[in-house]
Amino acid sequence: MNVLVPIDESDPARQAVEHAATTYPDATITALHVINPSMAMYRGEMAYNYDRLIELEKEDAESLFETVQEIGDEHDVSITTEVLVGTPARSIVSFAEDNDVDQIVLGSHGRSGMSRVLLGSVAEQVVRRATVPVTVVR
């Protein structure tokens, strides 16, 4: 069984990793972080230098992956990691389809406030678009 766990810096994302590790201990678990370059423009971060922005975001993802590995180690589960650049919901669904994922486990929300209102819930979009079962962890 292949389980995909999209991650960001939120508590629900960490809880999703924990859930996947305890619920699917024998599965191949992949933690996926999607870098959304358009969000950087909303935050005002170096949007003028796309390549540098992506490089910095990938560096930031390494700390997320360290946390994921710690959770995997706690449960004696191996977790692989992947980074994609693109729109989060679309990238998650595409990755699941392209990599024979059997189950997606994701946190209920990663963003709050205005960005969530403007962009909609990634979890909701994944639930609507995915062709495999999706577990949403709160």
C-alpha atoms as a PDB file:
ATOM      1  CA  MET A   1       0.000   0.000   0.000  1.00  0.00           C
ATOM      2  CA  ASN A   2       1.221   3.508  -0.885  1.00  0.00           C
ATOM      3  CA  VAL A   3       0.151   6.349   1.398  1.00  0.00           C
ATOM      4  CA  LEU A   4       0.678  10.014   0.558  1.00  0.00           C
ATOM      5  CA  VAL A   5       0.846  12.622   3.315  1.00  0.00           C
ATOM      6  CA  PRO A   6       0.991  16.218   2.061  1.00  0.00           C
ATOM      7  CA  ILE A   7       2.795  18.381   4.621  1.00  0.00           C
ATOM      8  CA  ASP A   8       3.357  21.993   5.503  1.00  0.00           C
ATOM      9  CA  GLU A   9       4.390  23.700   8.727  1.00  0.00           C
ATOM     10  CA  SER A  10       0.984  23.303  10.418  1.00  0.00           C
ATOM     11  CA  ASP A  11       0.021  21.176  13.412  1.00  0.00           C
ATOM     12  CA  PRO A  12      -2.667  19.321  11.405  1.00  0.00           C
ATOM     13  CA  ALA A  13       0.018  18.287   8.894  1.00  0.00           C
ATOM     14  CA  ARG A  14       2.146  16.833  11.705  1.00  0.00           C
ATOM     15  CA  GLN A  15      -0.930  15.071  13.058  1.00  0.00           C
ATOM     16  CA  ALA A  16      -1.558  13.621   9.586  1.00  0.00           C
ATOM     17  CA  VAL A  17       1.976  12.178   9.509  1.00  0.00           C
ATOM     18  CA  GLU A  18       1.411  10.705  12.969  1.00  0.00           C
ATOM     19  CA  HIS A  19      -1.916   9.218  11.861  1.00  0.00           C
ATOM     20  CA  ALA A  20      -0.402   7.676   8.733  1.00  0.00           C
ATOM     21  CA  ALA A  21       2.508   6.205  10.704  1.00  0.00           C
ATOM     22  CA  THR A  22       0.229   4.590  13.294  1.00  0.00           C
ATOM     23  CA  THR A  23      -2.589   3.546  10.943  1.00  0.00           C
ATOM     24  CA  TYR A  24      -0.470   2.283   8.035  1.00  0.00           C
ATOM     25  CA  PRO A  25       2.801   1.075   9.637  1.00  0.00           C
ATOM     26  CA  ASP A  26       3.488  -1.447   6.853  1.00  0.00           C
ATOM     27  CA  ALA A  27       2.724   0.949   3.993  1.00  0.00           C
ATOM     28  CA  THR A  28       5.133   2.909   1.844  1.00  0.00           C
ATOM     29  CA  ILE A  29       4.564   6.411   3.202  1.00  0.00           C
ATOM     30  CA  THR A  30       5.587   9.499   1.245  1.00  0.00           C
ATOM     31  CA  ALA A  31       5.536  12.972   2.774  1.00  0.00           C
ATOM     32  CA  LEU A  32       4.989  15.553   0.041  1.00  0.00           C
ATOM     33  CA  HIS A  33       5.662  19.255   0.424  1.00  0.00           C
ATOM     34  CA  VAL A  34       4.345  21.484  -2.347  1.00  0.00           C
ATOM     35  CA  ILE A  35       6.018  24.845  -2.833  1.00  0.00           C
ATOM     36  CA  ASN A  36       3.437  27.325  -4.054  1.00  0.00           C
ATOM     37  CA  PRO A  37       5.421  30.224  -5.555  1.00  0.00           C
ATOM     38  CA  SER A  38       2.336  32.421  -5.925  1.00  0.00           C
ATOM     39  CA  MET A  39       1.908  32.477  -2.127  1.00  0.00           C
ATOM     40  CA  ALA A  40       5.294  34.110  -1.764  1.00  0.00           C
ATOM     41  CA  MET A  41       3.986  37.131  -3.644  1.00  0.00           C
ATOM     42  CA  TYR A  42       1.203  37.502  -1.088  1.00  0.00           C
ATOM     43  CA  ARG A  43       3.823  37.398   1.674  1.00  0.00           C
ATOM     44  CA  GLY A  44       6.112  39.783  -0.213  1.00  0.00           C
ATOM     45  CA  GLU A  45       9.081  37.406  -0.180  1.00  0.00           C
ATOM     46  CA  MET A  46      11.570  37.940  -2.981  1.00  0.00           C
ATOM     47  CA  ALA A  47       8.962  37.341  -5.649  1.00  0.00           C
ATOM     48  CA  TYR A  48      11.219  39.117  -8.118  1.00  0.00           C
ATOM     49  CA  ASN A  49      13.792  36.299  -7.961  1.00  0.00           C
ATOM     50  CA  TYR A  50      11.893  33.091  -8.676  1.00  0.00           C
ATOM     51  CA  ASP A  51      14.853  30.702  -8.635  1.00  0.00           C
ATOM     52  CA  ARG A  52      16.165  32.038  -5.320  1.00  0.00           C
ATOM     53  CA  LEU A  53      12.677  31.894  -3.827  1.00  0.00           C
ATOM     54  CA  ILE A  54      12.294  28.227  -4.793  1.00  0.00           C
ATOM     55  CA  GLU A  55      15.769  27.460  -3.438  1.00  0.00           C
ATOM     56  CA  LEU A  56      14.889  29.078  -0.071  1.00  0.00           C
ATOM     57  CA  GLU A  57      11.570  27.242   0.084  1.00  0.00           C
ATOM     58  CA  LYS A  58      13.328  23.929  -0.562  1.00  0.00           C
ATOM     59  CA  GLU A  59      15.757  24.700   2.253  1.00  0.00           C
ATOM     60  CA  ASP A  60      12.804  25.428   4.552  1.00  0.00           C
ATOM     61  CA  ALA A  61      11.239  22.112   3.540  1.00  0.00           C
ATOM     62  CA  GLU A  62      14.263  20.297   4.976  1.00  0.00           C
ATOM     63  CA  SER A  63      13.207  21.238   8.514  1.00  0.00           C
ATOM     64  CA  LEU A  64       9.731  19.888   7.786  1.00  0.00           C
ATOM     65  CA  PHE A  65      11.290  16.652   6.582  1.00  0.00           C
ATOM     66  CA  GLU A  66      13.389  16.395   9.751  1.00  0.00           C
ATOM     67  CA  THR A  67      10.172  16.512  11.778  1.00  0.00           C
ATOM     68  CA  VAL A  68       8.614  13.875   9.516  1.00  0.00           C
ATOM     69  CA  GLN A  69      11.643  11.609   9.964  1.00  0.00           C
ATOM     70  CA  GLU A  70      11.442  12.028  13.744  1.00  0.00           C
ATOM     71  CA  ILE A  71       7.812  10.923  13.702  1.00  0.00           C
ATOM     72  CA  GLY A  72       8.715   7.976  11.484  1.00  0.00           C
ATOM     73  CA  ASP A  73      11.550   6.996  13.826  1.00  0.00           C
ATOM     74  CA  GLU A  74       9.229   7.170  16.861  1.00  0.00           C
ATOM     75  CA  HIS A  75       6.947   4.634  15.189  1.00  0.00           C
ATOM     76  CA  ASP A  76       9.676   2.600  13.485  1.00  0.00           C
ATOM     77  CA  VAL A  77       8.252   3.546  10.085  1.00  0.00           C
ATOM     78  CA  SER A  78      10.227   4.602   7.027  1.00  0.00           C
ATOM     79  CA  ILE A  79       8.938   7.763   5.368  1.00  0.00           C
ATOM     80  CA  THR A  80      10.246   9.054   2.056  1.00  0.00           C
ATOM     81  CA  THR A  81      10.026  12.728   1.168  1.00  0.00           C
ATOM     82  CA  GLU A  82       9.282  14.622  -2.020  1.00  0.00           C
ATOM     83  CA  VAL A  83       9.100  18.299  -2.991  1.00  0.00           C
ATOM     84  CA  LEU A  84       7.074  19.682  -5.884  1.00  0.00           C
ATOM     85  CA  VAL A  85       6.576  23.227  -7.119  1.00  0.00           C
ATOM     86  CA  GLY A  86       3.041  24.173  -8.101  1.00  0.00           C
ATOM     87  CA  THR A  87      -0.511  24.619  -6.920  1.00  0.00           C
ATOM     88  CA  PRO A  88      -0.924  22.494  -3.771  1.00  0.00           C
ATOM     89  CA  ALA A  89      -4.211  20.679  -4.431  1.00  0.00           C
ATOM     90  CA  ARG A  90      -3.479  20.038  -8.094  1.00  0.00           C
ATOM     91  CA  SER A  91       0.079  18.866  -7.319  1.00  0.00           C
ATOM     92  CA  ILE A  92      -1.122  16.514  -4.564  1.00  0.00           C
ATOM     93  CA  VAL A  93      -3.768  14.916  -6.770  1.00  0.00           C
ATOM     94  CA  SER A  94      -1.365  14.602  -9.722  1.00  0.00           C
ATOM     95  CA  PHE A  95       1.343  13.055  -7.548  1.00  0.00           C
ATOM     96  CA  ALA A  96      -1.175  10.532  -6.197  1.00  0.00           C
ATOM     97  CA  GLU A  97      -2.270   9.562  -9.710  1.00  0.00           C
ATOM     98  CA  ASP A  98       1.271   9.370 -11.119  1.00  0.00           C
ATOM     99  CA  ASN A  99       2.684   7.321  -8.227  1.00  0.00           C
ATOM    100  CA  ASP A 100      -0.006   4.671  -7.652  1.00  0.00           C
ATOM    101  CA  VAL A 101      -1.022   6.116  -4.284  1.00  0.00           C
ATOM    102  CA  ASP A 102      -3.742   4.090  -2.538  1.00  0.00           C
ATOM    103  CA  GLN A 103      -4.595   6.547   0.254  1.00  0.00           C
ATOM    104  CA  ILE A 104      -4.063  10.239   0.965  1.00  0.00           C
ATOM    105  CA  VAL A 105      -3.857  11.428   4.574  1.00  0.00           C
ATOM    106  CA  LEU A 106      -3.778  15.181   5.115  1.00  0.00           C
ATOM    107  CA  GLY A 107      -4.357  17.797   7.771  1.00  0.00           C
ATOM    108  CA  SER A 108      -7.633  19.669   7.898  1.00  0.00           C
ATOM    109  CA  HIS A 109      -6.011  23.061   7.340  1.00  0.00           C
ATOM    110  CA  GLY A 110      -2.627  24.582   6.896  1.00  0.00           C
ATOM    111  CA  ARG A 111      -3.516  28.189   6.341  1.00  0.00           C
ATOM    112  CA  SER A 112      -5.781  30.535   8.173  1.00  0.00           C
ATOM    113  CA  GLY A 113      -7.308  33.943   7.785  1.00  0.00           C
ATOM    114  CA  MET A 114      -7.485  35.739   4.472  1.00  0.00           C
ATOM    115  CA  SER A 115      -5.259  33.345   2.506  1.00  0.00           C
ATOM    116  CA  ARG A 116      -7.621  30.488   3.340  1.00  0.00           C
ATOM    117  CA  VAL A 117     -10.652  32.536   2.279  1.00  0.00           C
ATOM    118  CA  LEU A 118      -8.976  33.654  -0.958  1.00  0.00           C
ATOM    119  CA  LEU A 119      -7.498  30.300  -1.932  1.00  0.00           C
ATOM    120  CA  GLY A 120      -9.998  27.870  -0.449  1.00  0.00           C
ATOM    121  CA  SER A 121      -9.145  24.836   1.586  1.00  0.00           C
ATOM    122  CA  VAL A 122      -6.503  22.591   0.033  1.00  0.00           C
ATOM    123  CA  ALA A 123      -7.973  19.644   1.933  1.00  0.00           C
ATOM    124  CA  GLU A 124     -11.408  20.336   0.488  1.00  0.00           C
ATOM    125  CA  GLN A 125     -10.022  20.560  -3.047  1.00  0.00           C
ATOM    126  CA  VAL A 126      -8.066  17.320  -2.648  1.00  0.00           C
ATOM    127  CA  VAL A 127     -11.140  15.512  -1.308  1.00  0.00           C
ATOM    128  CA  ARG A 128     -13.146  16.679  -4.331  1.00  0.00           C
ATOM    129  CA  ARG A 129     -10.502  15.896  -6.974  1.00  0.00           C
ATOM    130  CA  ALA A 130      -8.692  12.788  -5.736  1.00  0.00           C
ATOM    131  CA  THR A 131      -9.474   9.427  -7.313  1.00  0.00           C
ATOM    132  CA  VAL A 132      -8.294   7.557  -4.195  1.00  0.00           C
ATOM    133  CA  PRO A 133      -9.646   7.600  -0.613  1.00  0.00           C
ATOM    134  CA  VAL A 134      -8.701  10.664   1.420  1.00  0.00           C
ATOM    135  CA  THR A 135      -8.503  10.814   5.205  1.00  0.00           C
ATOM    136  CA  VAL A 136      -8.641  14.313   6.662  1.00  0.00           C
ATOM    137  CA  VAL A 137      -7.048  14.583  10.105  1.00  0.00           C
ATOM    138  CA  ARG A 138      -8.060  17.362  12.510  1.00  0.00           C
END
